[in-house]
Amino acid sequence: MFDKVKDLYKLKQQATALQKVLAQTIIEATSPDDLIKIEVSADLKIQSILIDESYLVAEKKEQLEFQLKNVMSSGLSQAQQVAANKMKEMGGLDGLMGGLGM
């Protein structure tokens, strides 16, 4: 019984460490014309969005929306991949859950 409690404590420490690493890992995605840039952390939180002023006119609204959607999708996709790789580096789900007999 005590071993299971120790295993749970170890699992919590590993999960906390993974969360910290993901929050500190920043991915940058840009539009092909480099006029839109986003930064997203590997825990899938948008950190910043930078839009060049040339996009801030009514005539470019549709283009801005299209590019922003694509850049955000790209950034989030890259962040998911980074998160998966970080989890693998830490032993994956098997490594995290293995000590619990799961």
C-alpha atoms as a PDB file:
ATOM      1  CA  MET A   1       0.000   0.000   0.000  1.00  0.00           C
ATOM      2  CA  PHE A   2       2.754   2.461   0.930  1.00  0.00           C
ATOM      3  CA  ASP A   3       4.552   1.651  -2.331  1.00  0.00           C
ATOM      4  CA  LYS A   4       1.469   2.750  -4.301  1.00  0.00           C
ATOM      5  CA  VAL A   5       1.417   6.064  -2.428  1.00  0.00           C
ATOM      6  CA  LYS A   6       5.112   6.576  -3.242  1.00  0.00           C
ATOM      7  CA  ASP A   7       4.373   5.725  -6.872  1.00  0.00           C
ATOM      8  CA  LEU A   8       1.536   8.248  -6.971  1.00  0.00           C
ATOM      9  CA  TYR A   9       3.809  10.911  -5.487  1.00  0.00           C
ATOM     10  CA  LYS A  10       6.470  10.132  -8.095  1.00  0.00           C
ATOM     11  CA  LEU A  11       3.846  10.284 -10.855  1.00  0.00           C
ATOM     12  CA  LYS A  12       2.687  13.695  -9.631  1.00  0.00           C
ATOM     13  CA  GLN A  13       6.289  14.974  -9.573  1.00  0.00           C
ATOM     14  CA  GLN A  14       6.864  13.744 -13.130  1.00  0.00           C
ATOM     15  CA  ALA A  15       3.609  15.279 -14.359  1.00  0.00           C
ATOM     16  CA  THR A  16       4.452  18.599 -12.684  1.00  0.00           C
ATOM     17  CA  ALA A  17       7.919  18.574 -14.255  1.00  0.00           C
ATOM     18  CA  LEU A  18       6.412  17.868 -17.676  1.00  0.00           C
ATOM     19  CA  GLN A  19       3.897  20.704 -17.280  1.00  0.00           C
ATOM     20  CA  LYS A  20       6.699  23.104 -16.362  1.00  0.00           C
ATOM     21  CA  VAL A  21       8.802  22.090 -19.374  1.00  0.00           C
ATOM     22  CA  LEU A  22       5.824  22.443 -21.725  1.00  0.00           C
ATOM     23  CA  ALA A  23       4.915  25.873 -20.364  1.00  0.00           C
ATOM     24  CA  GLN A  24       8.492  27.087 -20.876  1.00  0.00           C
ATOM     25  CA  THR A  25       8.845  25.696 -24.409  1.00  0.00           C
ATOM     26  CA  ILE A  26       7.817  28.380 -26.911  1.00  0.00           C
ATOM     27  CA  ILE A  27       7.123  27.724 -30.584  1.00  0.00           C
ATOM     28  CA  GLU A  28       6.967  30.538 -33.138  1.00  0.00           C
ATOM     29  CA  ALA A  29       4.847  30.290 -36.270  1.00  0.00           C
ATOM     30  CA  THR A  30       4.772  32.886 -39.034  1.00  0.00           C
ATOM     31  CA  SER A  31       2.757  33.540 -42.153  1.00  0.00           C
ATOM     32  CA  PRO A  32       4.508  32.967 -45.486  1.00  0.00           C
ATOM     33  CA  ASP A  33       4.880  36.740 -45.906  1.00  0.00           C
ATOM     34  CA  ASP A  34       6.230  37.131 -42.328  1.00  0.00           C
ATOM     35  CA  LEU A  35       3.553  39.716 -41.529  1.00  0.00           C
ATOM     36  CA  ILE A  36       1.819  37.596 -38.866  1.00  0.00           C
ATOM     37  CA  LYS A  37       3.702  35.858 -36.074  1.00  0.00           C
ATOM     38  CA  ILE A  38       2.399  33.932 -33.104  1.00  0.00           C
ATOM     39  CA  GLU A  39       4.141  32.381 -30.145  1.00  0.00           C
ATOM     40  CA  VAL A  40       2.504  29.393 -28.509  1.00  0.00           C
ATOM     41  CA  SER A  41       3.801  27.340 -25.607  1.00  0.00           C
ATOM     42  CA  ALA A  42       3.947  23.560 -25.817  1.00  0.00           C
ATOM     43  CA  ASP A  43       1.125  23.437 -23.267  1.00  0.00           C
ATOM     44  CA  LEU A  44      -0.989  24.989 -26.044  1.00  0.00           C
ATOM     45  CA  LYS A  45      -1.340  28.496 -24.659  1.00  0.00           C
ATOM     46  CA  ILE A  46      -1.058  31.441 -27.030  1.00  0.00           C
ATOM     47  CA  GLN A  47       1.716  33.679 -25.717  1.00  0.00           C
ATOM     48  CA  SER A  48       1.639  36.461 -28.294  1.00  0.00           C
ATOM     49  CA  ILE A  49       0.177  37.489 -31.634  1.00  0.00           C
ATOM     50  CA  LEU A  50       1.962  40.071 -33.774  1.00  0.00           C
ATOM     51  CA  ILE A  51       0.229  41.487 -36.847  1.00  0.00           C
ATOM     52  CA  ASP A  52       1.974  43.893 -39.189  1.00  0.00           C
ATOM     53  CA  GLU A  53       0.123  47.190 -39.494  1.00  0.00           C
ATOM     54  CA  SER A  54      -0.252  46.736 -43.244  1.00  0.00           C
ATOM     55  CA  TYR A  55      -2.906  44.078 -42.519  1.00  0.00           C
ATOM     56  CA  LEU A  56      -4.971  46.471 -40.412  1.00  0.00           C
ATOM     57  CA  VAL A  57      -7.059  47.907 -43.216  1.00  0.00           C
ATOM     58  CA  ALA A  58     -10.606  46.952 -44.167  1.00  0.00           C
ATOM     59  CA  GLU A  59      -9.549  45.768 -47.633  1.00  0.00           C
ATOM     60  CA  LYS A  60      -7.310  43.063 -46.116  1.00  0.00           C
ATOM     61  CA  LYS A  61      -9.770  41.785 -43.484  1.00  0.00           C
ATOM     62  CA  GLU A  62     -10.477  38.502 -45.288  1.00  0.00           C
ATOM     63  CA  GLN A  63      -6.796  37.891 -46.034  1.00  0.00           C
ATOM     64  CA  LEU A  64      -5.883  38.666 -42.408  1.00  0.00           C
ATOM     65  CA  GLU A  65      -8.484  36.224 -41.086  1.00  0.00           C
ATOM     66  CA  PHE A  66      -7.273  33.499 -43.468  1.00  0.00           C
ATOM     67  CA  GLN A  67      -3.591  33.993 -42.639  1.00  0.00           C
ATOM     68  CA  LEU A  68      -4.232  34.267 -38.902  1.00  0.00           C
ATOM     69  CA  LYS A  69      -6.191  31.001 -38.894  1.00  0.00           C
ATOM     70  CA  ASN A  70      -3.432  29.232 -40.805  1.00  0.00           C
ATOM     71  CA  VAL A  71      -0.616  30.580 -38.629  1.00  0.00           C
ATOM     72  CA  MET A  72      -2.459  29.683 -35.428  1.00  0.00           C
ATOM     73  CA  SER A  73      -3.238  26.185 -36.704  1.00  0.00           C
ATOM     74  CA  SER A  74       0.392  25.696 -37.657  1.00  0.00           C
ATOM     75  CA  GLY A  75       1.662  26.940 -34.303  1.00  0.00           C
ATOM     76  CA  LEU A  76      -0.720  24.761 -32.318  1.00  0.00           C
ATOM     77  CA  SER A  77       0.114  21.735 -34.440  1.00  0.00           C
ATOM     78  CA  GLN A  78       3.847  22.296 -33.887  1.00  0.00           C
ATOM     79  CA  ALA A  79       3.229  22.738 -30.153  1.00  0.00           C
ATOM     80  CA  GLN A  80       1.329  19.447 -29.998  1.00  0.00           C
ATOM     81  CA  GLN A  81       4.225  17.676 -31.709  1.00  0.00           C
ATOM     82  CA  VAL A  82       6.751  19.221 -29.333  1.00  0.00           C
ATOM     83  CA  ALA A  83       4.587  18.195 -26.364  1.00  0.00           C
ATOM     84  CA  ALA A  84       4.387  14.617 -27.656  1.00  0.00           C
ATOM     85  CA  ASN A  85       8.166  14.499 -28.110  1.00  0.00           C
ATOM     86  CA  LYS A  86       8.783  15.908 -24.615  1.00  0.00           C
ATOM     87  CA  MET A  87       6.463  13.286 -23.162  1.00  0.00           C
ATOM     88  CA  LYS A  88       8.340  10.546 -25.044  1.00  0.00           C
ATOM     89  CA  GLU A  89      11.642  11.888 -23.669  1.00  0.00           C
ATOM     90  CA  MET A  90      10.219  11.490 -20.166  1.00  0.00           C
ATOM     91  CA  GLY A  91       9.228   7.884 -20.848  1.00  0.00           C
ATOM     92  CA  GLY A  92       5.798   8.492 -22.348  1.00  0.00           C
ATOM     93  CA  LEU A  93       2.583   7.469 -20.691  1.00  0.00           C
ATOM     94  CA  ASP A  94       4.037   4.043 -19.963  1.00  0.00           C
ATOM     95  CA  GLY A  95       6.875   5.688 -18.061  1.00  0.00           C
ATOM     96  CA  LEU A  96       4.520   7.888 -16.108  1.00  0.00           C
ATOM     97  CA  MET A  97       1.946   5.202 -15.390  1.00  0.00           C
ATOM     98  CA  GLY A  98       4.227   2.154 -15.270  1.00  0.00           C
ATOM     99  CA  GLY A  99       4.981   2.474 -11.582  1.00  0.00           C
ATOM    100  CA  LEU A 100       1.287   2.230 -10.807  1.00  0.00           C
ATOM    101  CA  GLY A 101       0.901  -1.161 -12.457  1.00  0.00           C
ATOM    102  CA  MET A 102      -1.288   0.300 -15.194  1.00  0.00           C
END
